[in-house]
Each structure stands twice: as structure tokens, then as C-alpha cells.
Amino acid sequence: MNNPNLKAVTIDGNRLGFFFGAGASVEFGIPSMKNITELFKSKINKDNKNKEKHLFNSIYNSLEQIYGKSKVDLESIMSVIVGLKEISALDSIGDLGLFLLQQKGIKDISDIK
């Protein structure tokens, strides 16, 4: 190309960087977050003795109903688990949440901890 406005430049390899977007690692054989989530779900559900299976599936199914299947991944599941560990339901649900539970017919919240 003979463009007089372009100037040849020597590129210093020590100052060269690349920016990749989400999903770029898939081209290198690394599974996407969605694939890892499905692999994890498959593996946890194969083991009938796994006590975490019920909790995982409960969280996965709830998030799937809220966001749709394509939006559920391990990061969102782990966020719920961390939230459950850090605070009690009564602390986080607030008055609005208690009101909505009552409207759904849940009157006894004494076992929500």
C-alpha cells in the first residue's frame, strides 16, 4: 500500500498489548462460563450421595425462573451462596419481603434464619 499519510513504525514487543473480550478464551479450548456451569451441574447431579446437590439445584432453578436459563452461571450461584452464608434471611428480606411472603400465604416465618 502506498499511502503518503501512513508512516512506518517499528513495534517494540515489550510495549505491545492485546485486549480480548469475554469469550475469547473459548477459541483456545477453555470452556465458557456457561459450559463450565453445565459441566458442574451435570457432575453434581451424577452423585446421588452429594449433600450439596439439593442446594445447588434449588439455587439454579430459582435463578433460572428469575433470569432465564441463559443467564444462570456459577458466578451467580456462588453469589447466592455467599449471601446466604453472610446474612440471615430476616436481616436481608426487610419489611417489603415479609409483606410479600405474607401475601403468598406464608404466615409463619419463625424458621427463616
PDB file of N, CA and C in Angstrom:
ATOM      1  N   MET A   1       0.851  -1.166   0.000  1.00  0.00           N
ATOM      2  CA  MET A   1       0.000   0.000   0.000  1.00  0.00           C
ATOM      3  C   MET A   1       0.900   1.233   0.000  1.00  0.00           C
ATOM      4  N   ASN A   2       0.662   2.138  -0.867  1.00  0.00           N
ATOM      5  CA  ASN A   2       1.462   3.354  -0.979  1.00  0.00           C
ATOM      6  C   ASN A   2       0.649   4.573  -0.585  1.00  0.00           C
ATOM      7  N   ASN A   3       0.449   4.760   0.687  1.00  0.00           N
ATOM      8  CA  ASN A   3      -0.309   5.904   1.173  1.00  0.00           C
ATOM      9  C   ASN A   3       0.693   6.859   1.809  1.00  0.00           C
ATOM     10  N   PRO A   4       0.837   8.079   1.271  1.00  0.00           N
ATOM     11  CA  PRO A   4       1.830   9.028   1.801  1.00  0.00           C
ATOM     12  C   PRO A   4       1.509   9.503   3.223  1.00  0.00           C
ATOM     13  N   ASN A   5       0.288   9.339   3.676  1.00  0.00           N
ATOM     14  CA  ASN A   5      -0.089   9.776   5.022  1.00  0.00           C
ATOM     15  C   ASN A   5       0.274   8.756   6.094  1.00  0.00           C
ATOM     16  N   LEU A   6       0.549   7.529   5.677  1.00  0.00           N
ATOM     17  CA  LEU A   6       0.928   6.495   6.641  1.00  0.00           C
ATOM     18  C   LEU A   6       2.429   6.485   6.838  1.00  0.00           C
ATOM     19  N   LYS A   7       2.845   6.257   8.048  1.00  0.00           N
ATOM     20  CA  LYS A   7       4.251   6.276   8.387  1.00  0.00           C
ATOM     21  C   LYS A   7       4.630   4.904   8.945  1.00  0.00           C
ATOM     22  N   ALA A   8       5.726   4.373   8.506  1.00  0.00           N
ATOM     23  CA  ALA A   8       6.196   3.086   9.011  1.00  0.00           C
ATOM     24  C   ALA A   8       6.714   3.267  10.429  1.00  0.00           C
ATOM     25  N   VAL A   9       6.336   2.367  11.305  1.00  0.00           N
ATOM     26  CA  VAL A   9       6.743   2.448  12.697  1.00  0.00           C
ATOM     27  C   VAL A   9       7.289   1.089  13.116  1.00  0.00           C
ATOM     28  N   THR A  10       8.351   1.120  13.883  1.00  0.00           N
ATOM     29  CA  THR A  10       8.881  -0.117  14.446  1.00  0.00           C
ATOM     30  C   THR A  10       8.139  -0.403  15.744  1.00  0.00           C
ATOM     31  N   ILE A  11       7.638  -1.631  15.866  1.00  0.00           N
ATOM     32  CA  ILE A  11       6.891  -2.010  17.059  1.00  0.00           C
ATOM     33  C   ILE A  11       7.825  -2.655  18.055  1.00  0.00           C
ATOM     34  N   ASP A  12       7.823  -2.115  19.277  1.00  0.00           N
ATOM     35  CA  ASP A  12       8.617  -2.664  20.372  1.00  0.00           C
ATOM     36  C   ASP A  12       7.775  -3.727  21.075  1.00  0.00           C
ATOM     37  N   GLY A  13       8.212  -4.988  20.996  1.00  0.00           N
ATOM     38  CA  GLY A  13       7.473  -6.099  21.585  1.00  0.00           C
ATOM     39  C   GLY A  13       7.255  -5.967  23.082  1.00  0.00           C
ATOM     40  N   ASN A  14       8.085  -5.220  23.782  1.00  0.00           N
ATOM     41  CA  ASN A  14       7.931  -5.024  25.221  1.00  0.00           C
ATOM     42  C   ASN A  14       6.801  -4.055  25.556  1.00  0.00           C
ATOM     43  N   ARG A  15       6.353  -3.329  24.577  1.00  0.00           N
ATOM     44  CA  ARG A  15       5.292  -2.345  24.810  1.00  0.00           C
ATOM     45  C   ARG A  15       4.005  -2.695  24.080  1.00  0.00           C
ATOM     46  N   LEU A  16       3.899  -3.922  23.639  1.00  0.00           N
ATOM     47  CA  LEU A  16       2.758  -4.368  22.868  1.00  0.00           C
ATOM     48  C   LEU A  16       1.770  -5.084  23.788  1.00  0.00           C
ATOM     49  N   GLY A  17       0.520  -4.785  23.653  1.00  0.00           N
ATOM     50  CA  GLY A  17      -0.502  -5.441  24.469  1.00  0.00           C
ATOM     51  C   GLY A  17      -1.715  -5.782  23.630  1.00  0.00           C
ATOM     52  N   PHE A  18      -2.432  -6.752  24.073  1.00  0.00           N
ATOM     53  CA  PHE A  18      -3.658  -7.164  23.391  1.00  0.00           C
ATOM     54  C   PHE A  18      -4.819  -7.089  24.363  1.00  0.00           C
ATOM     55  N   PHE A  19      -5.969  -6.717  23.869  1.00  0.00           N
ATOM     56  CA  PHE A  19      -7.185  -6.699  24.661  1.00  0.00           C
ATOM     57  C   PHE A  19      -8.149  -7.719  24.071  1.00  0.00           C
ATOM     58  N   PHE A  20      -8.630  -8.595  24.923  1.00  0.00           N
ATOM     59  CA  PHE A  20      -9.578  -9.615  24.490  1.00  0.00           C
ATOM     60  C   PHE A  20     -10.873  -9.417  25.263  1.00  0.00           C
ATOM     61  N   GLY A  21     -11.964  -9.684  24.609  1.00  0.00           N
ATOM     62  CA  GLY A  21     -13.267  -9.591  25.246  1.00  0.00           C
ATOM     63  C   GLY A  21     -13.664 -10.909  25.884  1.00  0.00           C
ATOM     64  N   ALA A  22     -14.786 -10.878  26.571  1.00  0.00           N
ATOM     65  CA  ALA A  22     -15.319 -12.082  27.198  1.00  0.00           C
ATOM     66  C   ALA A  22     -15.567 -13.133  26.128  1.00  0.00           C
ATOM     67  N   GLY A  23     -15.187 -14.352  26.409  1.00  0.00           N
ATOM     68  CA  GLY A  23     -15.387 -15.446  25.467  1.00  0.00           C
ATOM     69  C   GLY A  23     -14.212 -15.697  24.547  1.00  0.00           C
ATOM     70  N   ALA A  24     -13.211 -14.836  24.565  1.00  0.00           N
ATOM     71  CA  ALA A  24     -12.056 -15.025  23.686  1.00  0.00           C
ATOM     72  C   ALA A  24     -11.299 -16.301  24.026  1.00  0.00           C
ATOM     73  N   SER A  25     -11.339 -16.714  25.278  1.00  0.00           N
ATOM     74  CA  SER A  25     -10.608 -17.914  25.699  1.00  0.00           C
ATOM     75  C   SER A  25     -11.204 -19.184  25.107  1.00  0.00           C
ATOM     76  N   VAL A  26     -12.458 -19.136  24.665  1.00  0.00           N
ATOM     77  CA  VAL A  26     -13.111 -20.308  24.074  1.00  0.00           C
ATOM     78  C   VAL A  26     -12.340 -20.775  22.842  1.00  0.00           C
ATOM     79  N   GLU A  27     -11.804 -19.837  22.086  1.00  0.00           N
ATOM     80  CA  GLU A  27     -11.029 -20.175  20.892  1.00  0.00           C
ATOM     81  C   GLU A  27      -9.747 -20.944  21.231  1.00  0.00           C
ATOM     82  N   PHE A  28      -9.315 -20.859  22.483  1.00  0.00           N
ATOM     83  CA  PHE A  28      -8.121 -21.560  22.929  1.00  0.00           C
ATOM     84  C   PHE A  28      -8.453 -22.861  23.658  1.00  0.00           C
ATOM     85  N   GLY A  29      -9.735 -23.283  23.587  1.00  0.00           N
ATOM     86  CA  GLY A  29     -10.151 -24.539  24.183  1.00  0.00           C
ATOM     87  C   GLY A  29     -10.582 -24.454  25.634  1.00  0.00           C
ATOM     88  N   ILE A  30     -10.653 -23.258  26.180  1.00  0.00           N
ATOM     89  CA  ILE A  30     -11.095 -23.076  27.563  1.00  0.00           C
ATOM     90  C   ILE A  30     -12.617 -22.919  27.538  1.00  0.00           C
ATOM     91  N   PRO A  31     -13.346 -23.714  28.338  1.00  0.00           N
ATOM     92  CA  PRO A  31     -14.811 -23.626  28.291  1.00  0.00           C
ATOM     93  C   PRO A  31     -15.322 -22.257  28.743  1.00  0.00           C
ATOM     94  N   SER A  32     -16.435 -21.862  28.171  1.00  0.00           N
ATOM     95  CA  SER A  32     -17.081 -20.614  28.581  1.00  0.00           C
ATOM     96  C   SER A  32     -17.704 -20.823  29.959  1.00  0.00           C
ATOM     97  N   MET A  33     -18.106 -19.731  30.609  1.00  0.00           N
ATOM     98  CA  MET A  33     -18.736 -19.830  31.924  1.00  0.00           C
ATOM     99  C   MET A  33     -20.012 -20.657  31.830  1.00  0.00           C
ATOM    100  N   LYS A  34     -20.758 -20.511  30.754  1.00  0.00           N
ATOM    101  CA  LYS A  34     -21.981 -21.293  30.577  1.00  0.00           C
ATOM    102  C   LYS A  34     -21.652 -22.783  30.482  1.00  0.00           C
ATOM    103  N   ASN A  35     -20.612 -23.135  29.712  1.00  0.00           N
ATOM    104  CA  ASN A  35     -20.206 -24.539  29.587  1.00  0.00           C
ATOM    105  C   ASN A  35     -19.723 -25.102  30.922  1.00  0.00           C
ATOM    106  N   ILE A  36     -18.955 -24.317  31.655  1.00  0.00           N
ATOM    107  CA  ILE A  36     -18.464 -24.764  32.967  1.00  0.00           C
ATOM    108  C   ILE A  36     -19.651 -24.993  33.904  1.00  0.00           C
ATOM    109  N   THR A  37     -20.633 -24.105  33.859  1.00  0.00           N
ATOM    110  CA  THR A  37     -21.821 -24.245  34.701  1.00  0.00           C
ATOM    111  C   THR A  37     -22.556 -25.539  34.377  1.00  0.00           C
ATOM    112  N   GLU A  38     -22.741 -25.820  33.086  1.00  0.00           N
ATOM    113  CA  GLU A  38     -23.443 -27.048  32.688  1.00  0.00           C
ATOM    114  C   GLU A  38     -22.639 -28.295  33.068  1.00  0.00           C
ATOM    115  N   LEU A  39     -21.304 -28.240  32.925  1.00  0.00           N
ATOM    116  CA  LEU A  39     -20.453 -29.368  33.341  1.00  0.00           C
ATOM    117  C   LEU A  39     -20.564 -29.605  34.841  1.00  0.00           C
ATOM    118  N   PHE A  40     -20.529 -28.523  35.602  1.00  0.00           N
ATOM    119  CA  PHE A  40     -20.633 -28.608  37.060  1.00  0.00           C
ATOM    120  C   PHE A  40     -21.996 -29.177  37.451  1.00  0.00           C
ATOM    121  N   LYS A  41     -23.048 -28.681  36.823  1.00  0.00           N
ATOM    122  CA  LYS A  41     -24.404 -29.144  37.120  1.00  0.00           C
ATOM    123  C   LYS A  41     -24.530 -30.640  36.819  1.00  0.00           C
ATOM    124  N   SER A  42     -23.989 -31.061  35.697  1.00  0.00           N
ATOM    125  CA  SER A  42     -24.032 -32.474  35.322  1.00  0.00           C
ATOM    126  C   SER A  42     -23.280 -33.342  36.330  1.00  0.00           C
ATOM    127  N   LYS A  43     -22.100 -32.867  36.730  1.00  0.00           N
ATOM    128  CA  LYS A  43     -21.263 -33.628  37.666  1.00  0.00           C
ATOM    129  C   LYS A  43     -21.900 -33.708  39.053  1.00  0.00           C
ATOM    130  N   ILE A  44     -22.435 -32.613  39.545  1.00  0.00           N
ATOM    131  CA  ILE A  44     -23.026 -32.611  40.891  1.00  0.00           C
ATOM    132  C   ILE A  44     -24.296 -33.469  40.921  1.00  0.00           C
ATOM    133  N   ASN A  45     -25.016 -33.558  39.801  1.00  0.00           N
ATOM    134  CA  ASN A  45     -26.247 -34.338  39.773  1.00  0.00           C
ATOM    135  C   ASN A  45     -26.007 -35.828  39.525  1.00  0.00           C
ATOM    136  N   LYS A  46     -24.806 -36.217  39.107  1.00  0.00           N
ATOM    137  CA  LYS A  46     -24.479 -37.638  38.929  1.00  0.00           C
ATOM    138  C   LYS A  46     -24.332 -38.349  40.267  1.00  0.00           C
ATOM    139  N   ASP A  47     -23.849 -37.635  41.263  1.00  0.00           N
ATOM    140  CA  ASP A  47     -23.571 -38.227  42.570  1.00  0.00           C
ATOM    141  C   ASP A  47     -24.800 -38.106  43.461  1.00  0.00           C
ATOM    142  N   ASN A  48     -25.510 -39.210  43.658  1.00  0.00           N
ATOM    143  CA  ASN A  48     -26.725 -39.184  44.472  1.00  0.00           C
ATOM    144  C   ASN A  48     -26.443 -38.978  45.948  1.00  0.00           C
ATOM    145  N   LYS A  49     -25.211 -39.184  46.385  1.00  0.00           N
ATOM    146  CA  LYS A  49     -24.871 -39.039  47.801  1.00  0.00           C
ATOM    147  C   LYS A  49     -24.399 -37.619  48.131  1.00  0.00           C
ATOM    148  N   ASN A  50     -24.341 -36.779  47.139  1.00  0.00           N
ATOM    149  CA  ASN A  50     -23.829 -35.427  47.321  1.00  0.00           C
ATOM    150  C   ASN A  50     -24.856 -34.570  48.055  1.00  0.00           C
ATOM    151  N   LYS A  51     -24.516 -34.129  49.273  1.00  0.00           N
ATOM    152  CA  LYS A  51     -25.468 -33.335  50.065  1.00  0.00           C
ATOM    153  C   LYS A  51     -25.645 -31.919  49.536  1.00  0.00           C
ATOM    154  N   GLU A  52     -24.719 -31.427  48.735  1.00  0.00           N
ATOM    155  CA  GLU A  52     -24.828 -30.082  48.173  1.00  0.00           C
ATOM    156  C   GLU A  52     -25.718 -30.050  46.935  1.00  0.00           C
ATOM    157  N   LYS A  53     -26.079 -31.215  46.419  1.00  0.00           N
ATOM    158  CA  LYS A  53     -26.871 -31.315  45.195  1.00  0.00           C
ATOM    159  C   LYS A  53     -28.204 -30.570  45.325  1.00  0.00           C
ATOM    160  N   HIS A  54     -28.901 -30.775  46.421  1.00  0.00           N
ATOM    161  CA  HIS A  54     -30.205 -30.130  46.611  1.00  0.00           C
ATOM    162  C   HIS A  54     -30.071 -28.608  46.649  1.00  0.00           C
ATOM    163  N   LEU A  55     -29.083 -28.111  47.398  1.00  0.00           N
ATOM    164  CA  LEU A  55     -28.877 -26.662  47.493  1.00  0.00           C
ATOM    165  C   LEU A  55     -28.531 -26.078  46.124  1.00  0.00           C
ATOM    166  N   PHE A  56     -27.597 -26.712  45.409  1.00  0.00           N
ATOM    167  CA  PHE A  56     -27.201 -26.227  44.086  1.00  0.00           C
ATOM    168  C   PHE A  56     -28.412 -26.165  43.157  1.00  0.00           C
ATOM    169  N   ASN A  57     -29.169 -27.261  43.090  1.00  0.00           N
ATOM    170  CA  ASN A  57     -30.318 -27.302  42.183  1.00  0.00           C
ATOM    171  C   ASN A  57     -31.407 -26.316  42.581  1.00  0.00           C
ATOM    172  N   SER A  58     -31.598 -26.122  43.867  1.00  0.00           N
ATOM    173  CA  SER A  58     -32.583 -25.156  44.338  1.00  0.00           C
ATOM    174  C   SER A  58     -32.208 -23.741  43.890  1.00  0.00           C
ATOM    175  N   ILE A  59     -30.949 -23.389  44.079  1.00  0.00           N
ATOM    176  CA  ILE A  59     -30.483 -22.055  43.662  1.00  0.00           C
ATOM    177  C   ILE A  59     -30.527 -21.927  42.146  1.00  0.00           C
ATOM    178  N   TYR A  60     -30.023 -22.936  41.448  1.00  0.00           N
ATOM    179  CA  TYR A  60     -30.005 -22.909  39.971  1.00  0.00           C
ATOM    180  C   TYR A  60     -31.420 -22.728  39.418  1.00  0.00           C
ATOM    181  N   ASN A  61     -32.357 -23.547  39.910  1.00  0.00           N
ATOM    182  CA  ASN A  61     -33.735 -23.487  39.413  1.00  0.00           C
ATOM    183  C   ASN A  61     -34.398 -22.151  39.728  1.00  0.00           C
ATOM    184  N   SER A  62     -34.136 -21.597  40.910  1.00  0.00           N
ATOM    185  CA  SER A  62     -34.703 -20.291  41.260  1.00  0.00           C
ATOM    186  C   SER A  62     -34.154 -19.200  40.353  1.00  0.00           C
ATOM    187  N   LEU A  63     -32.852 -19.191  40.138  1.00  0.00           N
ATOM    188  CA  LEU A  63     -32.246 -18.181  39.264  1.00  0.00           C
ATOM    189  C   LEU A  63     -32.723 -18.345  37.822  1.00  0.00           C
ATOM    190  N   GLU A  64     -32.919 -19.599  37.413  1.00  0.00           N
ATOM    191  CA  GLU A  64     -33.418 -19.860  36.068  1.00  0.00           C
ATOM    192  C   GLU A  64     -34.822 -19.289  35.877  1.00  0.00           C
ATOM    193  N   GLN A  65     -35.660 -19.409  36.903  1.00  0.00           N
ATOM    194  CA  GLN A  65     -37.014 -18.843  36.824  1.00  0.00           C
ATOM    195  C   GLN A  65     -36.977 -17.317  36.798  1.00  0.00           C
ATOM    196  N   ILE A  66     -36.031 -16.737  37.518  1.00  0.00           N
ATOM    197  CA  ILE A  66     -35.941 -15.271  37.591  1.00  0.00           C
ATOM    198  C   ILE A  66     -35.332 -14.684  36.321  1.00  0.00           C
ATOM    199  N   TYR A  67     -34.186 -15.232  35.881  1.00  0.00           N
ATOM    200  CA  TYR A  67     -33.421 -14.626  34.798  1.00  0.00           C
ATOM    201  C   TYR A  67     -33.514 -15.356  33.458  1.00  0.00           C
ATOM    202  N   GLY A  68     -33.949 -16.609  33.476  1.00  0.00           N
ATOM    203  CA  GLY A  68     -33.916 -17.428  32.267  1.00  0.00           C
ATOM    204  C   GLY A  68     -32.652 -18.267  32.256  1.00  0.00           C
ATOM    205  N   LYS A  69     -32.716 -19.395  31.576  1.00  0.00           N
ATOM    206  CA  LYS A  69     -31.618 -20.367  31.610  1.00  0.00           C
ATOM    207  C   LYS A  69     -30.288 -19.800  31.109  1.00  0.00           C
ATOM    208  N   SER A  70     -30.349 -18.959  30.096  1.00  0.00           N
ATOM    209  CA  SER A  70     -29.104 -18.468  29.503  1.00  0.00           C
ATOM    210  C   SER A  70     -28.331 -17.525  30.420  1.00  0.00           C
ATOM    211  N   LYS A  71     -28.961 -17.019  31.468  1.00  0.00           N
ATOM    212  CA  LYS A  71     -28.307 -16.061  32.365  1.00  0.00           C
ATOM    213  C   LYS A  71     -27.741 -16.690  33.639  1.00  0.00           C
ATOM    214  N   VAL A  72     -28.019 -17.975  33.882  1.00  0.00           N
ATOM    215  CA  VAL A  72     -27.564 -18.621  35.113  1.00  0.00           C
ATOM    216  C   VAL A  72     -26.162 -19.171  34.900  1.00  0.00           C
ATOM    217  N   ASP A  73     -25.242 -18.779  35.785  1.00  0.00           N
ATOM    218  CA  ASP A  73     -23.894 -19.334  35.731  1.00  0.00           C
ATOM    219  C   ASP A  73     -23.354 -19.517  37.147  1.00  0.00           C
ATOM    220  N   LEU A  74     -22.173 -20.125  37.240  1.00  0.00           N
ATOM    221  CA  LEU A  74     -21.597 -20.410  38.556  1.00  0.00           C
ATOM    222  C   LEU A  74     -21.373 -19.147  39.373  1.00  0.00           C
ATOM    223  N   GLU A  75     -21.048 -18.067  38.715  1.00  0.00           N
ATOM    224  CA  GLU A  75     -20.825 -16.813  39.446  1.00  0.00           C
ATOM    225  C   GLU A  75     -22.096 -16.365  40.172  1.00  0.00           C
ATOM    226  N   SER A  76     -23.241 -16.436  39.487  1.00  0.00           N
ATOM    227  CA  SER A  76     -24.489 -16.019  40.136  1.00  0.00           C
ATOM    228  C   SER A  76     -24.872 -16.998  41.244  1.00  0.00           C
ATOM    229  N   ILE A  77     -24.632 -18.271  41.032  1.00  0.00           N
ATOM    230  CA  ILE A  77     -24.932 -19.282  42.065  1.00  0.00           C
ATOM    231  C   ILE A  77     -24.051 -19.055  43.291  1.00  0.00           C
ATOM    232  N   MET A  78     -22.772 -18.809  43.073  1.00  0.00           N
ATOM    233  CA  MET A  78     -21.856 -18.563  44.197  1.00  0.00           C
ATOM    234  C   MET A  78     -22.214 -17.274  44.929  1.00  0.00           C
ATOM    235  N   SER A  79     -22.706 -16.274  44.216  1.00  0.00           N
ATOM    236  CA  SER A  79     -23.133 -15.031  44.871  1.00  0.00           C
ATOM    237  C   SER A  79     -24.276 -15.304  45.842  1.00  0.00           C
ATOM    238  N   VAL A  80     -25.198 -16.154  45.440  1.00  0.00           N
ATOM    239  CA  VAL A  80     -26.315 -16.504  46.329  1.00  0.00           C
ATOM    240  C   VAL A  80     -25.781 -17.258  47.553  1.00  0.00           C
ATOM    241  N   ILE A  81     -24.887 -18.207  47.341  1.00  0.00           N
ATOM    242  CA  ILE A  81     -24.335 -18.991  48.449  1.00  0.00           C
ATOM    243  C   ILE A  81     -23.590 -18.095  49.429  1.00  0.00           C
ATOM    244  N   VAL A  82     -22.790 -17.178  48.918  1.00  0.00           N
ATOM    245  CA  VAL A  82     -22.063 -16.246  49.788  1.00  0.00           C
ATOM    246  C   VAL A  82     -23.051 -15.385  50.563  1.00  0.00           C
ATOM    247  N   GLY A  83     -24.094 -14.909  49.897  1.00  0.00           N
ATOM    248  CA  GLY A  83     -25.111 -14.106  50.567  1.00  0.00           C
ATOM    249  C   GLY A  83     -25.820 -14.879  51.660  1.00  0.00           C
ATOM    250  N   LEU A  84     -26.112 -16.150  51.404  1.00  0.00           N
ATOM    251  CA  LEU A  84     -26.760 -16.981  52.418  1.00  0.00           C
ATOM    252  C   LEU A  84     -25.858 -17.184  53.626  1.00  0.00           C
ATOM    253  N   LYS A  85     -24.580 -17.274  53.375  1.00  0.00           N
ATOM    254  CA  LYS A  85     -23.625 -17.505  54.463  1.00  0.00           C
ATOM    255  C   LYS A  85     -23.437 -16.254  55.321  1.00  0.00           C
ATOM    256  N   GLU A  86     -23.455 -15.096  54.685  1.00  0.00           N
ATOM    257  CA  GLU A  86     -23.108 -13.860  55.383  1.00  0.00           C
ATOM    258  C   GLU A  86     -24.242 -13.242  56.186  1.00  0.00           C
ATOM    259  N   ILE A  87     -25.464 -13.374  55.716  1.00  0.00           N
ATOM    260  CA  ILE A  87     -26.567 -12.715  56.408  1.00  0.00           C
ATOM    261  C   ILE A  87     -27.751 -13.660  56.547  1.00  0.00           C
ATOM    262  N   SER A  88     -28.549 -13.414  57.548  1.00  0.00           N
ATOM    263  CA  SER A  88     -29.752 -14.230  57.711  1.00  0.00           C
ATOM    264  C   SER A  88     -30.843 -13.686  56.806  1.00  0.00           C
ATOM    265  N   ALA A  89     -31.801 -14.522  56.489  1.00  0.00           N
ATOM    266  CA  ALA A  89     -32.893 -14.128  55.602  1.00  0.00           C
ATOM    267  C   ALA A  89     -33.701 -12.979  56.189  1.00  0.00           C
ATOM    268  N   LEU A  90     -33.961 -13.023  57.491  1.00  0.00           N
ATOM    269  CA  LEU A  90     -34.755 -11.952  58.101  1.00  0.00           C
ATOM    270  C   LEU A  90     -34.049 -10.613  58.041  1.00  0.00           C
ATOM    271  N   ASP A  91     -32.723 -10.616  58.147  1.00  0.00           N
ATOM    272  CA  ASP A  91     -31.979  -9.363  58.046  1.00  0.00           C
ATOM    273  C   ASP A  91     -32.042  -8.786  56.645  1.00  0.00           C
ATOM    274  N   SER A  92     -32.054  -9.647  55.643  1.00  0.00           N
ATOM    275  CA  SER A  92     -31.958  -9.156  54.274  1.00  0.00           C
ATOM    276  C   SER A  92     -33.302  -8.959  53.596  1.00  0.00           C
ATOM    277  N   ILE A  93     -34.342  -9.614  54.084  1.00  0.00           N
ATOM    278  CA  ILE A  93     -35.622  -9.568  53.379  1.00  0.00           C
ATOM    279  C   ILE A  93     -36.381  -8.264  53.634  1.00  0.00           C
ATOM    280  N   GLY A  94     -36.267  -7.719  54.795  1.00  0.00           N
ATOM    281  CA  GLY A  94     -36.898  -6.443  55.100  1.00  0.00           C
ATOM    282  C   GLY A  94     -38.412  -6.524  55.180  1.00  0.00           C
ATOM    283  N   ASP A  95     -39.014  -5.392  55.456  1.00  0.00           N
ATOM    284  CA  ASP A  95     -40.464  -5.323  55.632  1.00  0.00           C
ATOM    285  C   ASP A  95     -41.218  -5.659  54.345  1.00  0.00           C
ATOM    286  N   LEU A  96     -40.717  -5.182  53.214  1.00  0.00           N
ATOM    287  CA  LEU A  96     -41.388  -5.463  51.941  1.00  0.00           C
ATOM    288  C   LEU A  96     -41.389  -6.965  51.674  1.00  0.00           C
ATOM    289  N   GLY A  97     -40.251  -7.611  51.891  1.00  0.00           N
ATOM    290  CA  GLY A  97     -40.165  -9.048  51.676  1.00  0.00           C
ATOM    291  C   GLY A  97     -41.098  -9.815  52.582  1.00  0.00           C
ATOM    292  N   LEU A  98     -41.169  -9.411  53.843  1.00  0.00           N
ATOM    293  CA  LEU A  98     -42.082 -10.061  54.789  1.00  0.00           C
ATOM    294  C   LEU A  98     -43.530  -9.876  54.358  1.00  0.00           C
ATOM    295  N   PHE A  99     -43.851  -8.685  53.891  1.00  0.00           N
ATOM    296  CA  PHE A  99     -45.199  -8.413  53.399  1.00  0.00           C
ATOM    297  C   PHE A  99     -45.534  -9.309  52.208  1.00  0.00           C
ATOM    298  N   LEU A 100     -44.596  -9.425  51.260  1.00  0.00           N
ATOM    299  CA  LEU A 100     -44.831 -10.247  50.068  1.00  0.00           C
ATOM    300  C   LEU A 100     -44.973 -11.723  50.431  1.00  0.00           C
ATOM    301  N   LEU A 101     -44.169 -12.203  51.381  1.00  0.00           N
ATOM    302  CA  LEU A 101     -44.311 -13.588  51.844  1.00  0.00           C
ATOM    303  C   LEU A 101     -45.704 -13.810  52.431  1.00  0.00           C
ATOM    304  N   GLN A 102     -46.163 -12.876  53.234  1.00  0.00           N
ATOM    305  CA  GLN A 102     -47.482 -12.986  53.856  1.00  0.00           C
ATOM    306  C   GLN A 102     -48.563 -13.002  52.778  1.00  0.00           C
ATOM    307  N   GLN A 103     -48.392 -12.206  51.736  1.00  0.00           N
ATOM    308  CA  GLN A 103     -49.364 -12.171  50.643  1.00  0.00           C
ATOM    309  C   GLN A 103     -49.415 -13.492  49.884  1.00  0.00           C
ATOM    310  N   LYS A 104     -48.310 -14.225  49.880  1.00  0.00           N
ATOM    311  CA  LYS A 104     -48.241 -15.530  49.224  1.00  0.00           C
ATOM    312  C   LYS A 104     -48.733 -16.650  50.128  1.00  0.00           C
ATOM    313  N   GLY A 105     -49.164 -16.309  51.342  1.00  0.00           N
ATOM    314  CA  GLY A 105     -49.706 -17.322  52.243  1.00  0.00           C
ATOM    315  C   GLY A 105     -48.725 -17.863  53.242  1.00  0.00           C
ATOM    316  N   ILE A 106     -47.510 -17.329  53.280  1.00  0.00           N
ATOM    317  CA  ILE A 106     -46.519 -17.777  54.246  1.00  0.00           C
ATOM    318  C   ILE A 106     -46.682 -16.904  55.492  1.00  0.00           C
ATOM    319  N   LYS A 107     -47.285 -17.466  56.510  1.00  0.00           N
ATOM    320  CA  LYS A 107     -47.595 -16.686  57.705  1.00  0.00           C
ATOM    321  C   LYS A 107     -46.601 -16.921  58.827  1.00  0.00           C
ATOM    322  N   ASP A 108     -46.026 -18.119  58.897  1.00  0.00           N
ATOM    323  CA  ASP A 108     -45.083 -18.428  59.964  1.00  0.00           C
ATOM    324  C   ASP A 108     -43.664 -18.332  59.427  1.00  0.00           C
ATOM    325  N   ILE A 109     -42.958 -17.285  59.801  1.00  0.00           N
ATOM    326  CA  ILE A 109     -41.589 -17.097  59.325  1.00  0.00           C
ATOM    327  C   ILE A 109     -40.561 -17.404  60.413  1.00  0.00           C
ATOM    328  N   SER A 110     -41.005 -18.058  61.482  1.00  0.00           N
ATOM    329  CA  SER A 110     -40.107 -18.305  62.605  1.00  0.00           C
ATOM    330  C   SER A 110     -38.934 -19.209  62.247  1.00  0.00           C
ATOM    331  N   ASP A 111     -39.095 -20.061  61.215  1.00  0.00           N
ATOM    332  CA  ASP A 111     -37.994 -20.944  60.857  1.00  0.00           C
ATOM    333  C   ASP A 111     -37.122 -20.374  59.745  1.00  0.00           C
ATOM    334  N   ILE A 112     -37.358 -19.129  59.344  1.00  0.00           N
ATOM    335  CA  ILE A 112     -36.466 -18.451  58.398  1.00  0.00           C
ATOM    336  C   ILE A 112     -35.319 -17.860  59.192  1.00  0.00           C
ATOM    337  N   LYS A 113     -34.146 -18.381  59.003  1.00  0.00           N
ATOM    338  CA  LYS A 113     -32.972 -17.903  59.735  1.00  0.00           C
ATOM    339  C   LYS A 113     -31.862 -17.615  58.769  1.00  0.00           C
TER     340      LYS A 113
END
